[in-house]
């Protein structure tokens, strides 16, 4: 970021304006911006030939690119990054966008239902795909039950003290019997005593070691595999709400190959546990462009993401918008920022 700012500071006013107008024109239309177009909007009256020379300099610096012979220019990923870091003008949140997002809270429902509505409103407002990472449910657990669904599938039912119920399907270790499932559930229920999932996770391993003689090997394996499901990929998959995939197909210039890769990533939630990690450097909106976006880098997409916090100022989830690099960053940043703050307040008020 500092390198980009230093490059930007070294540009003279004319070069900076040409660069800014090329990027803004590209973000607005998705088309390369030509020299003749720029001569009509530049603050300074200059010839098309002069504009072409400036654009060639910017191309040499790696900030612009010409996708076709004799065409206009488009920003490179480095150019977009520099624009976002140094020239992006973030507007105020439009009142109609605020009203649409506020309405998702006003209709009531449990947190999962509200977050689903928020994801839909976010994708509608931004015309991108929305990502909402729901918080872990941290109420104390009242009861756990294992239910066999076949030789290689089982269901674990978690009943929380606040009445919330979660069902998770997973692949248990081979050889499980109704008896071993009952024993595993009894073992875990004996450790509950008002503990949350996070608390239970730290206690179980210690208790399994201390009570090896009291718990059957099959039951022990089931408990351990159950813990992996509760704390691993399965939970992250369930926590991530994706809405508005179809928005990514809009527009004649949609790169269908890249969109297909992105759809595959969203379906598999590839490395989705890292989604929250993107926000760990602190409060506020962050923008990841193209290959900077480690979750969806193969599709060359951009991600605008912000964490949300609970009443204790702890990051517990995130909201974001993903789409082509030609996002309207100035409009989307305040929408994502406001949505994250709204979700944080909702979660805090429900404590």
Protein backbone atom coordinates (compact mmCIF):
# COMPACT_ATOMS: atom_id res chain seq x y z
CA UNK A 1 0.00 0.00 0.00
CA UNK A 2 2.80 2.40 0.87
CA UNK A 3 4.50 1.66 -2.47
CA UNK A 4 1.28 2.46 -4.32
CA UNK A 5 0.89 5.74 -2.46
CA UNK A 6 4.47 6.74 -3.22
CA UNK A 7 3.93 5.99 -6.93
CA UNK A 8 0.72 8.02 -6.85
CA UNK A 9 2.49 10.96 -5.19
CA UNK A 10 5.11 10.94 -7.93
CA UNK A 11 2.52 11.37 -10.70
CA UNK A 12 1.88 14.91 -11.89
CA UNK A 13 -1.65 16.29 -11.90
CA UNK A 14 -2.30 15.49 -15.57
CA UNK A 15 -1.10 11.89 -15.29
CA UNK A 16 -3.04 11.35 -12.08
CA UNK A 17 -6.23 12.66 -13.70
CA UNK A 18 -5.80 10.49 -16.81
CA UNK A 19 -5.27 7.45 -14.57
CA UNK A 20 -8.27 8.27 -12.36
CA UNK A 21 -10.59 8.83 -15.32
CA UNK A 22 -9.53 5.60 -17.04
CA UNK A 23 -10.24 3.61 -13.88
CA UNK A 24 -13.54 5.36 -13.17
CA UNK A 25 -14.64 4.91 -16.79
CA UNK A 26 -13.75 1.23 -16.71
CA UNK A 27 -15.55 0.66 -13.39
CA UNK A 28 -18.61 2.44 -14.77
CA UNK A 29 -18.88 0.71 -18.15
CA UNK A 30 -16.59 -2.33 -18.09
CA UNK A 31 -15.11 -1.12 -21.39
CA UNK A 32 -11.59 0.10 -22.25
CA UNK A 33 -11.33 3.89 -22.13
CA UNK A 34 -9.87 5.62 -25.20
CA UNK A 35 -7.93 8.85 -25.60
CA UNK A 36 -10.72 10.64 -27.50
CA UNK A 37 -13.17 9.92 -24.67
CA UNK A 38 -10.72 11.42 -22.18
CA UNK A 39 -10.16 14.62 -24.15
CA UNK A 40 -13.87 15.42 -23.69
CA UNK A 41 -13.81 15.10 -19.89
CA UNK A 42 -10.33 16.23 -18.83
CA UNK A 43 -10.12 19.38 -16.72
CA UNK A 44 -7.25 20.53 -18.92
CA UNK A 45 -7.80 20.90 -22.69
CA UNK A 46 -5.22 18.59 -24.25
CA UNK A 47 -4.98 16.65 -27.48
CA UNK A 48 -5.75 12.98 -27.95
CA UNK A 49 -2.11 12.44 -28.87
CA UNK A 50 -0.98 13.88 -25.52
CA UNK A 51 -3.47 11.67 -23.68
CA UNK A 52 -2.19 8.61 -25.57
CA UNK A 53 1.38 9.44 -24.51
CA UNK A 54 0.30 9.70 -20.86
CA UNK A 55 -1.57 6.37 -21.09
CA UNK A 56 1.51 4.74 -22.62
CA UNK A 57 3.56 5.96 -19.66
CA UNK A 58 0.98 4.54 -17.25
CA UNK A 59 1.01 1.25 -19.15
CA UNK A 60 4.81 1.15 -18.90
CA UNK A 61 4.45 1.63 -15.12
CA UNK A 62 2.16 -1.40 -14.97
CA UNK A 63 -0.94 0.58 -13.99
CA UNK A 64 -2.87 0.32 -17.26
CA UNK A 65 -3.18 -2.34 -19.93
CA UNK A 66 -4.48 -2.40 -23.51
CA UNK A 67 -6.59 -5.52 -24.03
CA UNK A 68 -6.70 -5.18 -27.82
CA UNK A 69 -4.57 -3.58 -30.51
CA UNK A 70 -5.56 0.08 -31.04
CA UNK A 71 -8.07 -0.12 -28.18
CA UNK A 72 -8.36 2.04 -25.11
CA UNK A 73 -6.90 1.14 -21.74
CA UNK A 74 -8.15 -0.70 -18.68
CA UNK A 75 -6.57 -0.72 -15.21
CA UNK A 76 -4.34 -3.64 -14.22
CA UNK A 77 -4.76 -5.30 -10.84
CA UNK A 78 -1.91 -3.11 -9.55
CA UNK A 79 -3.67 -0.07 -11.00
CA UNK A 80 -6.96 -0.96 -9.33
CA UNK A 81 -5.14 -1.48 -6.05
CA UNK A 82 -3.51 1.93 -6.30
CA UNK A 83 -6.82 3.57 -7.19
CA UNK A 84 -8.58 1.93 -4.22
CA UNK A 85 -5.77 2.88 -1.82
CA UNK A 86 -5.28 6.46 -2.94
CA UNK A 87 -8.04 7.84 -5.17
CA UNK A 88 -11.26 6.02 -4.28
CA UNK A 89 -14.01 8.37 -3.18
CA UNK A 90 -16.39 6.52 -0.87
CA UNK A 91 -19.89 7.94 -0.99
CA UNK A 92 -22.49 8.12 1.75
CA UNK A 93 -24.88 5.22 2.16
CA UNK A 94 -27.97 5.89 0.02
CA UNK A 95 -31.19 6.14 2.02
CA UNK A 96 -32.95 3.46 -0.05
CA UNK A 97 -30.06 1.02 0.51
CA UNK A 98 -30.22 1.75 4.25
CA UNK A 99 -33.97 1.15 4.29
CA UNK A 100 -33.68 -2.19 2.46
CA UNK A 101 -31.05 -3.46 4.89
CA UNK A 102 -32.85 -2.09 7.98
CA UNK A 103 -36.03 -3.88 6.87
CA UNK A 104 -34.32 -7.27 7.18
CA UNK A 105 -33.96 -6.76 10.94
CA UNK A 106 -37.45 -5.38 11.49
CA UNK A 107 -39.26 -8.52 10.34
CA UNK A 108 -38.01 -10.56 13.31
CA UNK A 109 -37.04 -14.23 13.37
CA UNK A 110 -34.06 -16.10 14.75
CA UNK A 111 -30.51 -15.00 13.93
CA UNK A 112 -30.08 -17.51 11.08
CA UNK A 113 -33.27 -16.36 9.34
CA UNK A 114 -32.33 -12.68 9.72
CA UNK A 115 -28.80 -13.25 8.40
CA UNK A 116 -30.27 -15.08 5.42
CA UNK A 117 -32.48 -12.06 4.69
CA UNK A 118 -29.53 -9.72 5.18
CA UNK A 119 -27.50 -11.73 2.65
CA UNK A 120 -30.32 -11.46 0.11
CA UNK A 121 -30.69 -7.70 0.70
CA UNK A 122 -26.93 -7.20 0.42
CA UNK A 123 -26.70 -9.06 -2.90
CA UNK A 124 -29.72 -7.15 -4.24
CA UNK A 125 -28.32 -3.76 -3.21
CA UNK A 126 -24.82 -4.40 -4.57
CA UNK A 127 -25.70 -6.61 -7.58
CA UNK A 128 -22.95 -8.98 -6.49
CA UNK A 129 -22.92 -12.22 -4.53
CA UNK A 130 -23.10 -11.72 -0.78
CA UNK A 131 -21.24 -13.74 1.85
CA UNK A 132 -22.40 -13.72 5.46
CA UNK A 133 -20.47 -15.69 8.06
CA UNK A 134 -22.85 -16.36 10.95
CA UNK A 135 -21.50 -16.36 14.52
CA UNK A 136 -20.92 -19.59 16.37
CA UNK A 137 -23.76 -20.37 18.74
CA UNK A 138 -22.22 -19.84 22.15
CA UNK A 139 -25.13 -20.57 24.49
CA UNK A 140 -24.56 -23.42 26.99
CA UNK A 141 -25.43 -26.88 25.65
CA UNK A 142 -28.27 -28.70 27.36
CA UNK A 143 -28.16 -32.06 25.59
CA UNK A 144 -26.34 -33.99 22.85
CA UNK A 145 -27.68 -36.99 20.96
CA UNK A 146 -26.11 -39.23 18.27
CA UNK A 147 -28.42 -40.88 15.73
CA UNK A 148 -27.23 -43.47 13.22
CA UNK A 149 -28.37 -42.86 9.62
CA UNK A 150 -26.64 -45.84 8.02
CA UNK A 151 -23.29 -47.61 8.16
CA UNK A 152 -21.33 -44.47 7.19
CA UNK A 153 -23.53 -41.54 8.22
CA UNK A 154 -24.69 -40.21 11.56
CA UNK A 155 -26.55 -37.21 12.89
CA UNK A 156 -25.54 -35.28 15.97
CA UNK A 157 -28.28 -33.20 17.59
CA UNK A 158 -27.25 -30.34 19.86
CA UNK A 159 -29.90 -28.76 22.09
CA UNK A 160 -28.82 -25.46 23.66
CA UNK A 161 -30.08 -24.03 26.93
CA UNK A 162 -31.74 -21.13 25.08
CA UNK A 163 -33.84 -23.56 23.01
CA UNK A 164 -31.71 -23.37 19.86
CA UNK A 165 -31.23 -26.74 18.14
CA UNK A 166 -28.52 -27.68 15.62
CA UNK A 167 -28.39 -30.90 13.58
CA UNK A 168 -25.16 -31.91 11.86
CA UNK A 169 -24.59 -34.89 9.60
CA UNK A 170 -21.10 -36.42 9.59
CA UNK A 171 -19.22 -39.61 8.78
CA UNK A 172 -18.59 -41.52 12.02
CA UNK A 173 -15.68 -43.93 12.50
CA UNK A 174 -16.55 -47.41 11.12
CA UNK A 175 -18.17 -50.04 13.32
CA UNK A 176 -20.43 -47.76 15.36
CA UNK A 177 -23.40 -49.39 17.08
CA UNK A 178 -26.47 -47.93 18.82
CA UNK A 179 -24.78 -48.88 22.08
CA UNK A 180 -21.54 -46.99 21.31
CA UNK A 181 -23.58 -43.95 20.24
CA UNK A 182 -25.53 -43.96 23.49
CA UNK A 183 -22.31 -44.29 25.47
CA UNK A 184 -20.68 -41.40 23.56
CA UNK A 185 -23.74 -39.19 24.15
CA UNK A 186 -23.90 -40.12 27.86
CA UNK A 187 -20.19 -39.34 28.24
CA UNK A 188 -20.61 -35.89 26.67
CA UNK A 189 -23.83 -35.10 28.54
CA UNK A 190 -22.07 -35.89 31.82
CA UNK A 191 -19.60 -33.09 31.02
CA UNK A 192 -22.12 -30.41 30.01
CA UNK A 193 -22.86 -28.59 33.27
CA UNK A 194 -23.69 -25.34 31.48
CA UNK A 195 -20.67 -25.43 29.19
CA UNK A 196 -20.64 -23.89 25.71
CA UNK A 197 -19.23 -25.72 22.69
CA UNK A 198 -15.94 -23.85 23.06
CA UNK A 199 -15.72 -24.80 26.74
CA UNK A 200 -16.63 -28.41 26.03
CA UNK A 201 -13.95 -28.77 23.39
CA UNK A 202 -11.20 -27.99 25.89
CA UNK A 203 -12.64 -30.33 28.55
CA UNK A 204 -13.38 -33.41 26.44
CA UNK A 205 -9.82 -34.32 25.43
CA UNK A 206 -8.67 -34.11 29.04
CA UNK A 207 -11.58 -36.22 30.29
CA UNK A 208 -11.13 -38.87 27.59
CA UNK A 209 -7.53 -39.30 28.70
CA UNK A 210 -8.47 -39.43 32.39
CA UNK A 211 -11.36 -41.91 31.89
CA UNK A 212 -9.89 -44.23 29.27
CA UNK A 213 -10.96 -47.32 31.20
CA UNK A 214 -14.56 -46.10 31.50
CA UNK A 215 -15.30 -45.33 27.85
CA UNK A 216 -15.37 -47.88 25.05
CA UNK A 217 -12.92 -47.43 22.14
CA UNK A 218 -15.71 -47.03 19.57
CA UNK A 219 -17.45 -44.43 21.69
CA UNK A 220 -14.18 -42.58 22.25
CA UNK A 221 -13.56 -42.47 18.47
CA UNK A 222 -17.08 -41.17 17.92
CA UNK A 223 -16.63 -38.38 20.46
CA UNK A 224 -13.33 -37.35 18.88
CA UNK A 225 -14.71 -37.36 15.33
CA UNK A 226 -17.74 -35.44 16.59
CA UNK A 227 -15.44 -32.78 18.04
CA UNK A 228 -13.69 -32.47 14.68
CA UNK A 229 -17.06 -31.86 12.99
CA UNK A 230 -18.10 -29.26 15.56
CA UNK A 231 -14.86 -27.32 15.29
CA UNK A 232 -13.84 -28.02 11.70
CA UNK A 233 -14.92 -27.54 8.12
CA UNK A 234 -18.47 -28.77 8.58
CA UNK A 235 -19.30 -25.95 10.96
CA UNK A 236 -17.76 -23.32 8.68
CA UNK A 237 -19.77 -24.66 5.77
CA UNK A 238 -22.98 -24.26 7.73
CA UNK A 239 -22.03 -20.84 9.02
CA UNK A 240 -21.43 -19.36 5.57
CA UNK A 241 -24.53 -17.99 3.80
CA UNK A 242 -24.06 -17.25 0.09
CA UNK A 243 -26.75 -15.33 -1.80
CA UNK A 244 -27.00 -13.76 -5.26
CA UNK A 245 -24.77 -16.05 -7.33
CA UNK A 246 -26.91 -15.28 -10.39
CA UNK A 247 -25.87 -11.61 -10.20
CA UNK A 248 -22.38 -12.66 -11.27
CA UNK A 249 -23.74 -13.76 -14.65
CA UNK A 250 -25.20 -10.36 -15.50
CA UNK A 251 -23.66 -8.33 -18.29
CA UNK A 252 -22.49 -9.22 -21.75
CA UNK A 253 -18.85 -9.12 -20.76
CA UNK A 254 -19.06 -11.70 -17.97
CA UNK A 255 -16.07 -14.03 -18.18
CA UNK A 256 -17.96 -17.31 -18.00
CA UNK A 257 -14.87 -19.43 -17.40
CA UNK A 258 -13.90 -17.33 -14.37
CA UNK A 259 -17.49 -17.22 -13.15
CA UNK A 260 -17.66 -21.03 -13.39
CA UNK A 261 -14.50 -21.32 -11.24
CA UNK A 262 -15.98 -18.91 -8.71
CA UNK A 263 -19.26 -20.86 -8.61
CA UNK A 264 -17.29 -24.05 -7.94
CA UNK A 265 -15.41 -22.33 -5.11
CA UNK A 266 -18.63 -21.03 -3.59
CA UNK A 267 -20.29 -24.45 -3.82
CA UNK A 268 -17.37 -26.20 -2.13
CA UNK A 269 -16.72 -23.25 0.21
CA UNK A 270 -13.03 -23.82 -0.55
CA UNK A 271 -10.88 -22.76 2.43
CA UNK A 272 -13.90 -20.91 3.74
CA UNK A 273 -12.62 -21.13 7.31
CA UNK A 274 -10.15 -18.45 6.17
CA UNK A 275 -12.97 -16.03 5.36
CA UNK A 276 -13.02 -14.67 8.89
CA UNK A 277 -9.21 -14.60 8.97
CA UNK A 278 -9.31 -11.93 6.26
CA UNK A 279 -10.82 -9.52 8.78
CA UNK A 280 -8.55 -10.24 11.74
CA UNK A 281 -6.33 -7.21 11.28
CA UNK A 282 -8.97 -5.03 12.85
CA UNK A 283 -12.23 -3.24 12.47
CA UNK A 284 -13.45 -1.83 9.18
CA UNK A 285 -13.89 -2.70 5.54
CA UNK A 286 -11.10 -4.40 3.60
CA UNK A 287 -10.86 -4.80 -0.17
CA UNK A 288 -9.13 -7.73 -1.86
CA UNK A 289 -8.61 -7.47 -5.62
CA UNK A 290 -8.03 -10.40 -7.97
CA UNK A 291 -5.17 -12.63 -6.87
CA UNK A 292 -4.91 -10.77 -3.52
CA UNK A 293 -8.12 -12.60 -2.63
CA UNK A 294 -6.71 -15.87 -1.33
CA UNK A 295 -10.13 -17.54 -1.10
CA UNK A 296 -11.20 -16.97 -4.68
CA UNK A 297 -7.96 -16.00 -6.46
CA UNK A 298 -8.41 -18.44 -9.36
CA UNK A 299 -11.51 -16.60 -10.52
CA UNK A 300 -9.82 -13.19 -10.36
CA UNK A 301 -12.69 -11.81 -8.29
CA UNK A 302 -12.76 -8.91 -5.86
CA UNK A 303 -13.98 -9.21 -2.29
CA UNK A 304 -15.18 -6.34 -0.09
CA UNK A 305 -15.45 -7.64 3.47
CA UNK A 306 -15.95 -6.34 6.99
CA UNK A 307 -16.03 -8.11 10.37
CA UNK A 308 -18.79 -7.63 12.89
CA UNK A 309 -18.37 -7.75 16.65
CA UNK A 310 -20.37 -8.73 19.69
CA UNK A 311 -20.99 -6.61 22.79
CA UNK A 312 -17.51 -7.54 24.09
CA UNK A 313 -15.89 -6.11 20.92
CA UNK A 314 -14.84 -9.59 19.82
CA UNK A 315 -14.93 -10.41 16.10
CA UNK A 316 -17.47 -13.20 15.71
CA UNK A 317 -18.40 -13.11 12.01
CA UNK A 318 -18.16 -11.16 8.79
CA UNK A 319 -20.18 -9.88 5.85
CA UNK A 320 -18.91 -9.30 2.35
CA UNK A 321 -19.65 -8.89 -1.34
CA UNK A 322 -17.82 -10.75 -4.08
CA UNK A 323 -17.89 -10.01 -7.77
CA UNK A 324 -15.75 -9.09 -10.78
CA UNK A 325 -12.89 -6.64 -10.23
CA UNK A 326 -15.14 -4.05 -11.91
CA UNK A 327 -17.13 -3.50 -8.72
CA UNK A 328 -18.51 -0.10 -7.80
CA UNK A 329 -16.19 0.08 -4.78
CA UNK A 330 -17.23 3.61 -3.77
CA UNK A 331 -20.86 2.53 -3.38
CA UNK A 332 -20.30 -1.00 -2.03
CA UNK A 333 -17.86 -0.09 0.77
CA UNK A 334 -20.42 1.96 2.78
CA UNK A 335 -23.11 -0.71 2.23
CA UNK A 336 -20.85 -3.48 3.59
CA UNK A 337 -19.66 -1.26 6.45
CA UNK A 338 -23.21 -0.36 7.51
CA UNK A 339 -24.41 -3.98 7.22
CA UNK A 340 -21.56 -5.24 9.41
CA UNK A 341 -22.33 -2.65 12.09
CA UNK A 342 -26.05 -3.47 11.94
CA UNK A 343 -25.40 -7.21 12.35
CA UNK A 344 -23.04 -6.56 15.25
CA UNK A 345 -25.68 -4.48 17.05
CA UNK A 346 -28.34 -7.12 16.43
CA UNK A 347 -26.16 -9.88 17.88
CA UNK A 348 -25.22 -7.72 20.89
CA UNK A 349 -28.84 -6.78 21.62
CA UNK A 350 -29.87 -10.46 21.70
CA UNK A 351 -27.47 -11.41 24.48
